[in-house]
C-alpha atoms as a PDB file:
ATOM      1  CA  MET A   1      86.036 164.833 103.649  1.00  0.00           C
ATOM      2  CA  THR A   2      88.871 166.179 102.114  1.00  0.00           C
ATOM      3  CA  LYS A   3      91.848 164.007 101.755  1.00  0.00           C
ATOM      4  CA  PRO A   4      95.563 165.430 102.698  1.00  0.00           C
ATOM      5  CA  LYS A   5      97.775 166.837 100.284  1.00  0.00           C
ATOM      6  CA  PHE A   6     101.391 168.108 100.280  1.00  0.00           C
ATOM      7  CA  VAL A   7     102.673 170.625  97.967  1.00  0.00           C
ATOM      8  CA  TYR A   8     106.284 171.949  97.802  1.00  0.00           C
ATOM      9  CA  VAL A   9     107.551 174.649  95.506  1.00  0.00           C
ATOM     10  CA  THR A  10     111.155 175.475  94.721  1.00  0.00           C
ATOM     11  CA  TYR A  11     113.038 177.341  92.358  1.00  0.00           C
ATOM     12  CA  ILE A  12     116.032 175.938  90.373  1.00  0.00           C
ATOM     13  CA  ALA A  13     118.665 177.647  88.417  1.00  0.00           C
ATOM     14  CA  THR A  14     118.508 175.319  85.293  1.00  0.00           C
ATOM     15  CA  THR A  15     116.623 174.626  82.035  1.00  0.00           C
ATOM     16  CA  PRO A  16     113.224 172.774  82.126  1.00  0.00           C
ATOM     17  CA  GLU A  17     115.097 170.057  79.649  1.00  0.00           C
ATOM     18  CA  LYS A  18     117.982 169.473  82.601  1.00  0.00           C
ATOM     19  CA  LEU A  19     115.348 169.220  85.127  1.00  0.00           C
ATOM     20  CA  TRP A  20     113.086 166.946  83.182  1.00  0.00           C
ATOM     21  CA  LYS A  21     116.282 164.701  82.554  1.00  0.00           C
ATOM     22  CA  ALA A  22     116.898 164.535  86.326  1.00  0.00           C
ATOM     23  CA  LEU A  23     113.270 163.644  87.309  1.00  0.00           C
ATOM     24  CA  THR A  24     113.283 160.907  84.724  1.00  0.00           C
ATOM     25  CA  SER A  25     116.763 159.469  84.519  1.00  0.00           C
ATOM     26  CA  SER A  26     118.013 156.589  86.803  1.00  0.00           C
ATOM     27  CA  ASP A  27     121.511 158.440  86.525  1.00  0.00           C
ATOM     28  CA  PHE A  28     120.170 161.215  88.373  1.00  0.00           C
ATOM     29  CA  THR A  29     117.697 159.947  90.595  1.00  0.00           C
ATOM     30  CA  GLU A  30     119.961 157.642  92.108  1.00  0.00           C
ATOM     31  CA  LYS A  31     122.231 160.749  93.132  1.00  0.00           C
ATOM     32  CA  TYR A  32     119.461 162.577  94.920  1.00  0.00           C
ATOM     33  CA  PHE A  33     116.532 160.313  95.751  1.00  0.00           C
ATOM     34  CA  PHE A  34     117.904 158.185  98.762  1.00  0.00           C
ATOM     35  CA  GLY A  35     119.918 155.825  95.935  1.00  0.00           C
ATOM     36  CA  SER A  36     116.584 155.227  94.121  1.00  0.00           C
ATOM     37  CA  LYS A  37     116.575 154.188  90.486  1.00  0.00           C
ATOM     38  CA  ILE A  38     113.399 155.370  88.318  1.00  0.00           C
ATOM     39  CA  GLN A  39     112.154 153.292  85.324  1.00  0.00           C
ATOM     40  CA  SER A  40     109.378 153.829  82.896  1.00  0.00           C
ATOM     41  CA  ASP A  41     109.063 154.266  79.156  1.00  0.00           C
ATOM     42  CA  TRP A  42     107.349 157.563  79.956  1.00  0.00           C
ATOM     43  CA  GLN A  43     104.198 156.685  78.048  1.00  0.00           C
ATOM     44  CA  GLU A  44     100.539 157.380  79.390  1.00  0.00           C
ATOM     45  CA  GLY A  45      99.274 154.220  80.993  1.00  0.00           C
ATOM     46  CA  SER A  46     102.851 152.685  81.409  1.00  0.00           C
ATOM     47  CA  SER A  47     104.319 151.430  84.677  1.00  0.00           C
ATOM     48  CA  ILE A  48     106.793 153.479  86.701  1.00  0.00           C
ATOM     49  CA  THR A  49     109.089 152.130  89.503  1.00  0.00           C
ATOM     50  CA  TYR A  50     111.657 153.292  91.909  1.00  0.00           C
ATOM     51  CA  SER A  51     113.955 150.684  93.115  1.00  0.00           C
ATOM     52  CA  ARG A  52     116.916 150.535  95.673  1.00  0.00           C
ATOM     53  CA  ASN A  53     119.627 147.623  95.686  1.00  0.00           C
ATOM     54  CA  GLY A  54     117.597 145.840  92.973  1.00  0.00           C
ATOM     55  CA  GLN A  55     114.359 146.016  94.896  1.00  0.00           C
ATOM     56  CA  VAL A  56     111.341 147.905  94.030  1.00  0.00           C
ATOM     57  CA  THR A  57     110.356 150.315  96.741  1.00  0.00           C
ATOM     58  CA  ASP A  58     107.707 152.282  95.059  1.00  0.00           C
ATOM     59  CA  HIS A  59     105.458 151.881  91.767  1.00  0.00           C
ATOM     60  CA  GLY A  60     102.544 153.429  89.751  1.00  0.00           C
ATOM     61  CA  LYS A  61     101.057 154.193  86.573  1.00  0.00           C
ATOM     62  CA  ILE A  62     101.982 157.277  84.417  1.00  0.00           C
ATOM     63  CA  LEU A  63      98.824 159.312  84.265  1.00  0.00           C
ATOM     64  CA  LYS A  64     100.306 162.370  82.263  1.00  0.00           C
ATOM     65  CA  CYS A  65     103.474 162.876  80.715  1.00  0.00           C
ATOM     66  CA  GLU A  66     104.693 166.249  78.858  1.00  0.00           C
ATOM     67  CA  PRO A  67     108.014 166.412  78.447  1.00  0.00           C
ATOM     68  CA  HIS A  68     109.686 169.352  80.076  1.00  0.00           C
ATOM     69  CA  ARG A  69     106.471 170.610  81.290  1.00  0.00           C
ATOM     70  CA  LEU A  70     104.286 167.944  83.380  1.00  0.00           C
ATOM     71  CA  LEU A  71     104.595 164.544  84.923  1.00  0.00           C
ATOM     72  CA  SER A  72     101.781 162.843  87.026  1.00  0.00           C
ATOM     73  CA  PHE A  73     101.606 159.200  88.277  1.00  0.00           C
ATOM     74  CA  THR A  74     100.100 157.022  90.827  1.00  0.00           C
ATOM     75  CA  TRP A  75     102.400 156.278  93.856  1.00  0.00           C
ATOM     76  CA  ASN A  76     102.193 153.026  95.776  1.00  0.00           C
ATOM     77  CA  ILE A  77     104.741 152.124  98.546  1.00  0.00           C
ATOM     78  CA  VAL A  78     105.724 148.431  98.572  1.00  0.00           C
ATOM     79  CA  GLY A  79     104.647 147.286 101.967  1.00  0.00           C
ATOM     80  CA  ASP A  80     102.263 149.992 102.692  1.00  0.00           C
ATOM     81  CA  GLU A  81      99.282 148.433 104.529  1.00  0.00           C
ATOM     82  CA  THR A  82      97.122 151.702 104.856  1.00  0.00           C
ATOM     83  CA  ALA A  83      93.675 150.904 103.567  1.00  0.00           C
ATOM     84  CA  ARG A  84      93.151 153.193 100.531  1.00  0.00           C
ATOM     85  CA  GLU A  85      90.306 153.670  98.205  1.00  0.00           C
ATOM     86  CA  GLN A  86      92.941 154.619  95.490  1.00  0.00           C
ATOM     87  CA  PRO A  87      96.663 155.385  95.073  1.00  0.00           C
ATOM     88  CA  SER A  88      97.990 158.700  95.910  1.00  0.00           C
ATOM     89  CA  GLN A  89      99.181 160.707  93.024  1.00  0.00           C
ATOM     90  CA  VAL A  90     102.304 162.534  92.451  1.00  0.00           C
ATOM     91  CA  THR A  91     102.554 165.591  90.010  1.00  0.00           C
ATOM     92  CA  PHE A  92     105.700 167.567  88.866  1.00  0.00           C
ATOM     93  CA  GLU A  93     104.924 170.704  87.188  1.00  0.00           C
ATOM     94  CA  ILE A  94     107.761 172.475  85.469  1.00  0.00           C
ATOM     95  CA  LYS A  95     107.636 176.418  84.582  1.00  0.00           C
ATOM     96  CA  PRO A  96     110.543 178.120  83.071  1.00  0.00           C
ATOM     97  CA  MET A  97     111.147 181.708  84.466  1.00  0.00           C
ATOM     98  CA  ASP A  98     113.712 183.217  82.338  1.00  0.00           C
ATOM     99  CA  SER A  99     117.145 181.470  83.645  1.00  0.00           C
ATOM    100  CA  THR A 100     115.433 179.606  86.514  1.00  0.00           C
ATOM    101  CA  VAL A 101     112.832 176.818  86.522  1.00  0.00           C
ATOM    102  CA  LYS A 102     109.652 176.769  88.964  1.00  0.00           C
ATOM    103  CA  LEU A 103     109.060 173.191  90.193  1.00  0.00           C
ATOM    104  CA  THR A 104     105.750 172.452  91.885  1.00  0.00           C
ATOM    105  CA  LEU A 105     105.519 168.960  93.527  1.00  0.00           C
ATOM    106  CA  LYS A 106     102.119 167.980  94.278  1.00  0.00           C
ATOM    107  CA  HIS A 107     101.255 164.593  96.302  1.00  0.00           C
ATOM    108  CA  GLU A 108      97.843 164.275  96.733  1.00  0.00           C
ATOM    109  CA  ASN A 109      94.856 162.013  97.967  1.00  0.00           C
ATOM    110  CA  LEU A 110      97.055 161.157 101.095  1.00  0.00           C
ATOM    111  CA  SER A 111      96.169 159.154 104.101  1.00  0.00           C
ATOM    112  CA  SER A 112      96.822 160.802 107.287  1.00  0.00           C
ATOM    113  CA  THR A 113      99.556 158.458 108.043  1.00  0.00           C
ATOM    114  CA  ASP A 114     101.386 159.427 105.290  1.00  0.00           C
ATOM    115  CA  LEU A 115     102.151 162.728 106.850  1.00  0.00           C
ATOM    116  CA  VAL A 116     104.549 162.789 109.943  1.00  0.00           C
ATOM    117  CA  GLU A 117     104.844 165.522 112.368  1.00  0.00           C
ATOM    118  CA  LYS A 118     108.139 165.082 113.772  1.00  0.00           C
ATOM    119  CA  ASN A 119     111.384 167.038 113.481  1.00  0.00           C
ATOM    120  CA  ASP A 120     114.708 165.575 112.347  1.00  0.00           C
ATOM    121  CA  THR A 121     113.350 162.451 110.192  1.00  0.00           C
ATOM    122  CA  PHE A 122     112.894 161.923 106.626  1.00  0.00           C
ATOM    123  CA  GLU A 123     109.712 159.686 107.545  1.00  0.00           C
ATOM    124  CA  GLY A 124     106.478 160.817 106.085  1.00  0.00           C
ATOM    125  CA  LEU A 125     105.979 162.400 102.674  1.00  0.00           C
ATOM    126  CA  ASN A 126     106.210 165.841 104.438  1.00  0.00           C
ATOM    127  CA  ASN A 127     109.697 165.218 105.473  1.00  0.00           C
ATOM    128  CA  GLY A 128     111.094 163.027 102.850  1.00  0.00           C
ATOM    129  CA  TRP A 129     109.984 165.038  99.681  1.00  0.00           C
ATOM    130  CA  PRO A 130     111.610 168.494 100.940  1.00  0.00           C
ATOM    131  CA  ALA A 131     114.823 166.508 101.191  1.00  0.00           C
ATOM    132  CA  ILE A 132     114.751 164.982  97.922  1.00  0.00           C
ATOM    133  CA  LEU A 133     113.886 168.026  96.307  1.00  0.00           C
ATOM    134  CA  SER A 134     116.588 169.992  98.203  1.00  0.00           C
ATOM    135  CA  ASN A 135     119.214 167.540  97.095  1.00  0.00           C
ATOM    136  CA  LEU A 136     117.758 167.711  93.528  1.00  0.00           C
ATOM    137  CA  LYS A 137     118.277 171.383  93.620  1.00  0.00           C
ATOM    138  CA  SER A 138     121.789 171.289  94.994  1.00  0.00           C
ATOM    139  CA  LEU A 139     122.663 168.658  92.274  1.00  0.00           C
ATOM    140  CA  LEU A 140     121.404 170.795  89.419  1.00  0.00           C
ATOM    141  CA  GLU A 141     122.845 174.180  90.613  1.00  0.00           C
ATOM    142  CA  THR A 142     126.301 172.909  91.951  1.00  0.00           C
ATOM    143  CA  GLY A 143     126.932 169.441  90.223  1.00  0.00           C
ATOM    144  CA  ASN A 144     126.862 167.939  93.733  1.00  0.00           C
ATOM    145  CA  THR A 145     124.458 166.491  96.155  1.00  0.00           C
ATOM    146  CA  LEU A 146     123.864 167.721  99.867  1.00  0.00           C
ATOM    147  CA  PRO A 147     126.149 165.895 102.219  1.00  0.00           C
ATOM    148  CA  SER A 148     124.396 162.848 103.811  1.00  0.00           C
ATOM    149  CA  ILE A 149     122.857 163.457 107.102  1.00  0.00           C
ATOM    150  CA  ALA A 150     122.548 160.870 109.760  1.00  0.00           C
ATOM    151  CA  ILE A 151     119.191 161.438 112.004  1.00  0.00           C
END
């Protein structure tokens, strides 16, 4: 049986270098990723963590790291009690297209509980990732994130 996956593609008026920095720098992630700070040494096999208010919320292991082109890592949510054979996997693919960059996010090896079919929520990877990446796009293109939304 095929495991669910989530794929999201967006086009951002930026450079691969600026997008890479936004994906891998806490100064940026804290602004667009629900206040989360990212931490890693960006070496394959090393750990990666996202934390909020000093508490790790998500963690994994770097699988591939090709600066300005590809970043892939396992993804574990702290407190997630879903029975999994292996962690899910996040991949960011960066492709330059003249003065635009195509960003493809793939979140694979999911459980059906990772996807939430409800409107007006950030719950579920299929609702959270579009909000995060829209915020990232706005930050890189305008210097500002989207206004906070209460739902």
